[in-house]
Structure formats: C-alpha cells, structure tokens
C-alpha cells in the first residue's frame, strides 16, 4: 500500500497570487506525477477550480492550519504532512516536511504587523525544530535559517522555484497599453507595492533617464507608498493585473527591474528571463542565485545616478542588449516546475525514511 502524504495546498486557493501562492499551485499540481509511488491527499479551506488535483475542502474561518487541518489529519493519519508554506500545525505530532521561502519578517520587520511577526516567528521556529529535513527555495534562505534560527545547514535541502519555461498565456492586445497610460518606452517592476520591493529607488533612477516610464504591477500593500509613486509623472501604478495583461507588459517593456532589498527567491527575475527580457536587479539576497550572469546588477539601488546608468545600458538597443536576452532565456530554462517537483518528491521520500 502506498504511503499517504497529506498536503496543505491552502495558499494556492488565495485570491491574491504572489510567489508563495504560485509556487504552491505549480508544485502541487505536479507532485502526483513526480511520485506515483506515493498517495497524495490535498487539503484547503476553500475551493479553487484550476488546481489540477482533487482537493478536500475543510471550511474554517480562522486558524485553519492550526485547528481545522490537524483535526482532519487525526482522522486519516498520514505518513507525512507536507506544507509548502512553512506553517506546521502545533497539534500535529507525526512526520512533517515544510518549505521555508524567506525570513523577510526578520530582515525587514517594519513591513509586518506585530501579530504577523509573532505568528511567523513561532511557526518558523516550530518547523525548524519539528522537521528532520527542511526545504529552502534558495541558498540565501538556507543561510538565514542557519544564522537566525540555528538550523543545521546539513538538514536543509535547497530546491529553487520553477517558472523558467516558455510562457503559455497569450498576451492581451497591444492596444491595452494605452488604456494603462503606457504610450512610450517603459520599465516594468512586478511585485507588491511595499518598501521592501524598493519601488521608490527605481523611480528615482527612472526620473533621471529621459523618455522612460516606470510601470508597477502588483497589489498595493503600502497605500502611502502608492500615493508617492502616483505623484510622479514618470510612474504608472497599475495594481493587480490579470495574466494576459502581465504577459503583455513583460513582452513590451524595455527592461524589467527587480531592486528588492530582500527576496527569498525572486520569481519576477525568472519570469522576465524566460521571456527574453533584459533584467536589472539588486545584488542582494537570492537574486544573483537566480540571475547568474544573465542579469545586469545594481550594487546600491539607493545610488540613483549609478542605478540610472545601469538602466541606460539595459534599454540601449544593440548587440549587448540582444546578448543579455539570449543568455536570459538559456539561464531561465534551467528552472522548471517539473525539476522542482521531482526534487521535492525526492526530499519527501527522504523525510519518510
């Protein structure tokens, strides 16, 4: 009889899709194919139609992972609980395997409420103490787990995201750019509007390059920051956009910028490279792990003049730009969801042994 793996797929059902949500959906839809010898049972608090796997829905308004999920687990007694979003239930006493994406709540606590920080600190420490092996999405996160939480690096398996495959979504019509207020050359920054994503540093550099506009696509977490960005004639804050619109933005941007102060992985870097885009990224945390030598780096995004100089290189037509685009596509193809699922299945087996 196959060993039973219970999976907390709840992040994949959330309305707002950022890196963790996309990771959970893409990974979990492939796990049964990557490990046909295991029996996967997926659980969530609400239904979602496009997950690609059968999900047991357990409605519960608050503390779902800490209260409702362990009640269900007590009934089926799985051989392992796999949590792609790092929050292991305190009441679960069986084998567990968690994925830790980042420790941004430690590196940039100002971006979180006190309640959020306490919850993330407690659940991360619990995962470190409970799991015989852990998965981190980058070497940067593994180092943070070791330095900030005392985790033994030999217990942590680094498995990067996928997402470097060729895009499958058809872009919206180019006429939509006008409706978004993008009538000339623009740079694209994808991610939540918050201080850690460093959009103000990008805008300060863009304002020094004549003829460029900054397009920011992502949910507005910091409304005061969004107001500051909108105050500039050189910026368009687009909010959340659907996948066809995002595909259009990636296709038509002169370059993609990722000047984040901290990232556990940096999925926009990979998504942009997969589309043959020139990427300008900060040389921080995990971003060089993803970009390798296929990305232009800014050592100090706070230096607006130096940042603007790199942006000029990134947007200048010519062989150098074309070379970066070719290298970006080649580099991106190393990061696939199939590879991510297969390596994750191997660690699940290790956690079972």
Protein backbone atom coordinates (compact mmCIF):
# COMPACT_ATOMS: atom_id res chain seq x y z
CA UNK A 1 0.00 0.00 0.00
CA UNK A 2 1.28 3.48 -0.91
CA UNK A 3 2.37 5.79 1.86
CA UNK A 4 -0.05 8.71 2.33
CA UNK A 5 1.21 12.28 2.06
CA UNK A 6 -1.15 14.97 3.33
CA UNK A 7 -0.50 18.33 1.65
CA UNK A 8 -1.57 21.78 2.83
CA UNK A 9 -2.46 23.30 -0.55
CA UNK A 10 -4.32 26.22 1.04
CA UNK A 11 -2.01 29.00 -0.25
CA UNK A 12 -2.92 28.05 -3.82
CA UNK A 13 -6.58 28.95 -3.17
CA UNK A 14 -5.93 32.57 -2.16
CA UNK A 15 -7.32 35.35 -4.32
CA UNK A 16 -4.11 37.40 -4.34
CA UNK A 17 -1.38 35.41 -6.09
CA UNK A 18 2.23 36.21 -5.21
CA UNK A 19 5.30 33.96 -5.15
CA UNK A 20 4.24 31.51 -2.43
CA UNK A 21 0.78 31.06 -3.92
CA UNK A 22 2.11 30.43 -7.42
CA UNK A 23 4.78 28.07 -6.06
CA UNK A 24 2.19 26.01 -4.17
CA UNK A 25 -0.11 25.70 -7.18
CA UNK A 26 2.57 24.82 -9.71
CA UNK A 27 4.39 22.39 -7.44
CA UNK A 28 1.37 20.55 -6.04
CA UNK A 29 -0.23 20.03 -9.46
CA UNK A 30 2.92 18.10 -10.48
CA UNK A 31 3.67 16.11 -7.33
CA UNK A 32 1.42 13.11 -8.13
CA UNK A 33 3.15 12.70 -11.50
CA UNK A 34 6.60 13.11 -9.96
CA UNK A 35 5.93 10.48 -7.28
CA UNK A 36 3.34 7.94 -8.50
CA UNK A 37 4.52 5.60 -5.72
CA UNK A 38 3.02 7.93 -3.10
CA UNK A 39 -0.64 8.70 -2.36
CA UNK A 40 -1.18 12.46 -2.07
CA UNK A 41 -4.17 13.96 -0.20
CA UNK A 42 -4.59 17.70 -0.68
CA UNK A 43 -6.42 19.91 1.84
CA UNK A 44 -7.61 23.53 1.69
CA UNK A 45 -10.03 25.85 3.45
CA UNK A 46 -11.88 26.88 0.29
CA UNK A 47 -12.45 25.51 -3.22
CA UNK A 48 -10.42 26.51 -6.28
CA UNK A 49 -11.27 25.15 -9.69
CA UNK A 50 -7.95 25.22 -11.54
CA UNK A 51 -5.52 23.47 -9.19
CA UNK A 52 -5.16 20.31 -11.28
CA UNK A 53 -5.61 17.93 -8.33
CA UNK A 54 -8.51 16.73 -6.19
CA UNK A 55 -8.76 18.79 -3.02
CA UNK A 56 -10.60 18.05 0.21
CA UNK A 57 -12.17 21.34 1.27
CA UNK A 58 -12.44 21.93 5.02
CA UNK A 59 -14.22 25.27 5.58
CA UNK A 60 -12.99 27.17 8.62
CA UNK A 61 -12.77 30.92 9.12
CA UNK A 62 -9.70 31.44 11.32
CA UNK A 63 -6.56 29.48 12.27
CA UNK A 64 -7.35 26.86 9.64
CA UNK A 65 -3.86 25.35 9.55
CA UNK A 66 -3.61 25.22 13.35
CA UNK A 67 -7.12 23.97 14.18
CA UNK A 68 -9.12 22.51 11.30
CA UNK A 69 -6.28 20.84 9.42
CA UNK A 70 -4.90 18.81 12.37
CA UNK A 71 -8.45 17.57 13.13
CA UNK A 72 -8.62 16.16 9.60
CA UNK A 73 -5.13 14.69 9.88
CA UNK A 74 -6.07 12.87 13.07
CA UNK A 75 -8.74 11.07 11.06
CA UNK A 76 -6.58 9.89 8.15
CA UNK A 77 -3.24 9.52 9.97
CA UNK A 78 -0.96 10.25 7.00
CA UNK A 79 2.61 9.04 6.90
CA UNK A 80 3.82 12.61 6.34
CA UNK A 81 2.43 16.15 6.33
CA UNK A 82 3.94 18.30 3.57
CA UNK A 83 3.49 22.06 3.96
CA UNK A 84 4.64 24.22 1.00
CA UNK A 85 4.11 27.36 3.09
CA UNK A 86 6.12 26.50 6.26
CA UNK A 87 3.32 26.58 8.88
CA UNK A 88 3.30 23.15 10.57
CA UNK A 89 0.31 22.74 12.95
CA UNK A 90 1.42 22.73 16.57
CA UNK A 91 -1.04 19.90 17.27
CA UNK A 92 0.42 17.61 14.58
CA UNK A 93 2.79 15.09 16.15
CA UNK A 94 3.60 12.95 13.10
CA UNK A 95 6.31 13.35 10.46
CA UNK A 96 6.38 16.72 8.75
CA UNK A 97 8.22 18.50 5.95
CA UNK A 98 8.00 22.25 5.40
CA UNK A 99 9.19 24.67 2.75
CA UNK A 100 10.65 27.96 4.02
CA UNK A 101 10.56 30.70 1.39
CA UNK A 102 12.20 33.59 3.20
CA UNK A 103 12.76 35.28 6.53
CA UNK A 104 11.72 38.73 5.40
CA UNK A 105 9.84 39.20 8.67
CA UNK A 106 13.23 39.09 10.41
CA UNK A 107 15.24 41.05 7.86
CA UNK A 108 12.55 43.72 7.36
CA UNK A 109 10.24 43.58 10.39
CA UNK A 110 8.84 47.05 9.63
CA UNK A 111 6.85 45.53 6.76
CA UNK A 112 4.82 43.33 9.12
CA UNK A 113 2.41 43.91 11.96
CA UNK A 114 3.39 42.69 15.43
CA UNK A 115 0.85 39.86 15.19
CA UNK A 116 2.19 38.77 11.79
CA UNK A 117 5.79 38.75 13.03
CA UNK A 118 4.94 36.74 16.14
CA UNK A 119 2.98 34.19 14.10
CA UNK A 120 5.76 33.81 11.50
CA UNK A 121 8.48 33.57 14.14
CA UNK A 122 6.63 30.91 16.11
CA UNK A 123 5.69 28.79 13.11
CA UNK A 124 9.15 29.01 11.56
CA UNK A 125 10.87 28.01 14.80
CA UNK A 126 8.39 25.14 15.13
CA UNK A 127 9.15 23.97 11.58
CA UNK A 128 12.90 24.08 12.26
CA UNK A 129 12.51 22.05 15.45
CA UNK A 130 9.93 19.58 14.10
CA UNK A 131 11.20 18.68 10.64
CA UNK A 132 14.07 16.22 10.27
CA UNK A 133 14.80 17.86 6.92
CA UNK A 134 13.60 21.21 5.57
CA UNK A 135 13.31 22.66 2.08
CA UNK A 136 14.56 26.18 1.35
CA UNK A 137 13.98 27.85 -2.02
CA UNK A 138 17.47 29.40 -2.16
CA UNK A 139 20.90 29.29 -0.59
CA UNK A 140 20.11 32.74 0.79
CA UNK A 141 17.17 31.37 2.76
CA UNK A 142 19.22 28.41 3.95
CA UNK A 143 21.88 30.78 5.30
CA UNK A 144 19.19 32.86 7.02
CA UNK A 145 17.72 29.76 8.67
CA UNK A 146 21.16 28.84 9.95
CA UNK A 147 22.18 32.29 11.16
CA UNK A 148 18.84 33.48 12.55
CA UNK A 149 17.28 30.21 13.78
CA UNK A 150 20.25 27.98 14.41
CA UNK A 151 19.15 25.38 11.87
CA UNK A 152 21.81 22.86 10.87
CA UNK A 153 22.56 23.60 7.18
CA UNK A 154 23.08 19.88 6.53
CA UNK A 155 19.36 19.33 7.27
CA UNK A 156 18.23 21.89 4.68
CA UNK A 157 17.70 20.93 1.04
CA UNK A 158 17.76 23.83 -1.43
CA UNK A 159 15.23 23.44 -4.26
CA UNK A 160 14.71 26.57 -6.40
CA UNK A 161 11.37 27.50 -7.89
CA UNK A 162 10.40 26.61 -11.42
CA UNK A 163 8.98 29.19 -13.77
CA UNK A 164 11.66 29.41 -16.44
CA UNK A 165 9.56 27.59 -19.04
CA UNK A 166 8.32 29.35 -22.14
CA UNK A 167 5.11 31.30 -21.36
CA UNK A 168 1.80 29.61 -22.10
CA UNK A 169 -0.55 32.59 -21.71
CA UNK A 170 -1.37 34.71 -24.76
CA UNK A 171 -0.76 38.42 -24.12
CA UNK A 172 -3.54 40.99 -24.27
CA UNK A 173 -3.81 43.19 -27.33
CA UNK A 174 -1.15 45.91 -27.50
CA UNK A 175 -3.95 48.49 -27.51
CA UNK A 176 -4.38 47.87 -23.79
CA UNK A 177 -1.10 49.67 -23.10
CA UNK A 178 -2.75 52.96 -23.97
CA UNK A 179 -5.58 52.25 -21.53
CA UNK A 180 -2.93 51.71 -18.85
CA UNK A 181 -1.30 55.04 -19.62
CA UNK A 182 1.79 53.47 -21.21
CA UNK A 183 2.25 55.27 -24.52
CA UNK A 184 6.05 55.24 -24.76
CA UNK A 185 9.05 53.25 -23.53
CA UNK A 186 8.56 51.82 -20.06
CA UNK A 187 10.30 49.68 -17.46
CA UNK A 188 8.33 47.03 -15.62
CA UNK A 189 8.51 46.22 -11.92
CA UNK A 190 6.36 43.29 -10.74
CA UNK A 191 5.50 42.77 -7.09
CA UNK A 192 3.59 44.11 -4.15
CA UNK A 193 3.83 47.85 -3.56
CA UNK A 194 5.77 47.89 -0.29
CA UNK A 195 9.03 49.32 0.98
CA UNK A 196 10.94 46.03 0.69
CA UNK A 197 10.35 45.95 -3.08
CA UNK A 198 12.12 49.33 -3.31
CA UNK A 199 9.94 50.96 -5.99
CA UNK A 200 10.94 54.46 -4.89
CA UNK A 201 14.59 53.70 -5.66
CA UNK A 202 13.60 52.56 -9.14
CA UNK A 203 11.53 55.69 -9.68
CA UNK A 204 14.41 57.96 -8.58
CA UNK A 205 16.61 56.32 -11.22
CA UNK A 206 13.91 56.33 -13.94
CA UNK A 207 13.35 60.06 -13.45
CA UNK A 208 16.99 60.57 -14.48
CA UNK A 209 16.53 58.77 -17.82
CA UNK A 210 14.55 60.94 -20.26
CA UNK A 211 11.71 59.24 -22.09
CA UNK A 212 11.24 56.34 -19.66
CA UNK A 213 8.21 55.50 -17.53
CA UNK A 214 8.06 53.05 -14.63
CA UNK A 215 5.10 50.62 -14.66
CA UNK A 216 4.45 48.94 -11.31
CA UNK A 217 2.23 45.84 -11.43
CA UNK A 218 1.16 44.25 -8.15
CA UNK A 219 -1.19 44.58 -5.19
CA UNK A 220 -0.91 47.76 -3.13
CA UNK A 221 0.15 46.73 0.36
CA UNK A 222 1.51 50.16 1.36
CA UNK A 223 -1.04 52.76 0.29
CA UNK A 224 1.16 55.70 1.34
CA UNK A 225 3.94 54.41 -0.90
CA UNK A 226 1.48 54.00 -3.79
CA UNK A 227 0.46 57.66 -3.37
CA UNK A 228 4.11 58.75 -3.59
CA UNK A 229 4.63 56.72 -6.75
CA UNK A 230 1.49 58.09 -8.40
CA UNK A 231 2.64 61.64 -7.67
CA UNK A 232 5.37 61.25 -10.30
CA UNK A 233 4.62 61.80 -13.99
CA UNK A 234 7.18 59.08 -14.70
CA UNK A 235 5.26 56.31 -12.91
CA UNK A 236 2.10 54.28 -13.52
CA UNK A 237 0.82 52.21 -10.59
CA UNK A 238 -1.29 49.50 -12.22
CA UNK A 239 -2.32 47.43 -9.20
CA UNK A 240 -3.11 43.76 -9.71
CA UNK A 241 -3.30 42.75 -13.36
CA UNK A 242 -4.56 39.54 -14.96
CA UNK A 243 -2.19 37.07 -16.60
CA UNK A 244 -2.76 38.20 -20.24
CA UNK A 245 -2.07 41.82 -19.23
CA UNK A 246 1.05 40.81 -17.30
CA UNK A 247 2.21 38.86 -20.34
CA UNK A 248 1.76 41.97 -22.49
CA UNK A 249 3.73 44.08 -20.01
CA UNK A 250 6.60 41.58 -19.98
CA UNK A 251 6.59 41.48 -23.78
CA UNK A 252 6.57 45.24 -24.41
CA UNK A 253 8.75 46.54 -21.55
CA UNK A 254 12.19 47.87 -22.44
CA UNK A 255 13.53 46.04 -19.38
CA UNK A 256 12.35 44.51 -16.10
CA UNK A 257 13.66 45.87 -12.80
CA UNK A 258 13.91 43.97 -9.51
CA UNK A 259 15.71 46.23 -7.00
CA UNK A 260 14.29 44.47 -3.92
CA UNK A 261 16.10 44.89 -0.63
CA UNK A 262 15.43 41.23 0.13
CA UNK A 263 13.91 38.24 -1.69
CA UNK A 264 13.68 34.60 -0.72
CA UNK A 265 13.80 33.68 -4.40
CA UNK A 266 12.76 36.45 -6.79
CA UNK A 267 10.25 34.92 -9.21
CA UNK A 268 9.89 38.10 -11.36
CA UNK A 269 13.58 37.78 -12.30
CA UNK A 270 12.99 34.28 -13.61
CA UNK A 271 9.70 35.11 -15.33
CA UNK A 272 11.31 38.02 -17.14
CA UNK A 273 14.34 35.99 -18.23
CA UNK A 274 12.07 33.26 -19.57
CA UNK A 275 10.53 35.86 -21.87
CA UNK A 276 13.87 37.05 -23.19
CA UNK A 277 13.78 40.27 -21.23
CA UNK A 278 16.79 42.23 -20.06
CA UNK A 279 16.65 42.30 -16.26
CA UNK A 280 18.16 44.83 -13.88
CA UNK A 281 18.32 43.50 -10.31
CA UNK A 282 19.83 44.47 -6.99
CA UNK A 283 22.80 42.38 -5.94
CA UNK A 284 21.03 41.31 -2.76
CA UNK A 285 19.89 38.11 -1.03
CA UNK A 286 18.84 35.40 -3.53
CA UNK A 287 18.64 37.49 -6.71
CA UNK A 288 22.15 36.65 -8.03
CA UNK A 289 21.38 32.94 -7.49
CA UNK A 290 18.52 33.25 -9.96
CA UNK A 291 20.00 35.69 -12.45
CA UNK A 292 23.57 34.37 -12.64
CA UNK A 293 25.48 36.16 -15.40
CA UNK A 294 22.33 36.79 -17.43
CA UNK A 295 21.26 39.84 -15.42
CA UNK A 296 22.56 43.39 -15.03
CA UNK A 297 23.13 44.17 -11.34
CA UNK A 298 22.97 47.32 -9.24
CA UNK A 299 25.22 47.14 -6.18
CA UNK A 300 23.44 50.00 -4.41
CA UNK A 301 19.90 50.75 -5.64
CA UNK A 302 19.91 53.79 -3.35
CA UNK A 303 22.52 55.42 -5.60
CA UNK A 304 20.12 56.91 -8.15
CA UNK A 305 22.84 58.03 -10.57
CA UNK A 306 24.51 54.61 -10.67
CA UNK A 307 21.12 52.91 -10.96
CA UNK A 308 20.15 55.21 -13.85
CA UNK A 309 23.42 54.37 -15.62
CA UNK A 310 22.59 50.66 -15.48
CA UNK A 311 19.08 51.38 -16.75
CA UNK A 312 20.53 53.21 -19.74
CA UNK A 313 22.66 50.17 -20.56
CA UNK A 314 19.66 47.88 -20.21
CA UNK A 315 17.47 49.91 -22.54
CA UNK A 316 20.04 50.79 -25.21
CA UNK A 317 19.37 48.82 -28.41
CA UNK A 318 22.30 46.87 -29.81
CA UNK A 319 24.20 43.59 -29.64
CA UNK A 320 24.90 43.87 -25.90
CA UNK A 321 21.16 44.01 -25.17
CA UNK A 322 20.46 41.12 -27.55
CA UNK A 323 23.21 39.06 -25.90
CA UNK A 324 21.68 39.55 -22.45
CA UNK A 325 18.28 38.49 -23.81
CA UNK A 326 19.72 35.25 -25.26
CA UNK A 327 21.58 34.43 -22.07
CA UNK A 328 18.47 35.16 -20.04
CA UNK A 329 16.37 32.61 -21.92
CA UNK A 330 19.10 29.96 -21.68
CA UNK A 331 19.53 30.56 -17.94
CA UNK A 332 15.78 30.51 -17.28
CA UNK A 333 15.34 27.09 -18.90
CA UNK A 334 17.37 25.58 -16.04
CA UNK A 335 14.50 26.40 -13.64
CA UNK A 336 11.46 24.25 -14.43
CA UNK A 337 8.49 23.23 -12.32
CA UNK A 338 8.98 19.61 -13.38
CA UNK A 339 12.50 19.65 -11.94
CA UNK A 340 11.23 21.38 -8.80
CA UNK A 341 8.51 18.73 -8.33
CA UNK A 342 10.92 15.83 -8.90
CA UNK A 343 13.48 17.15 -6.42
CA UNK A 344 10.74 17.86 -3.89
CA UNK A 345 9.42 14.30 -4.29
CA UNK A 346 12.94 13.02 -3.54
CA UNK A 347 13.05 15.03 -0.29
CA UNK A 348 9.57 13.80 0.65
CA UNK A 349 10.88 10.24 0.33
CA UNK A 350 13.90 11.20 2.42
CA UNK A 351 11.63 12.60 5.13
CA UNK A 352 9.66 9.33 5.11
CA UNK A 353 12.72 7.14 5.51
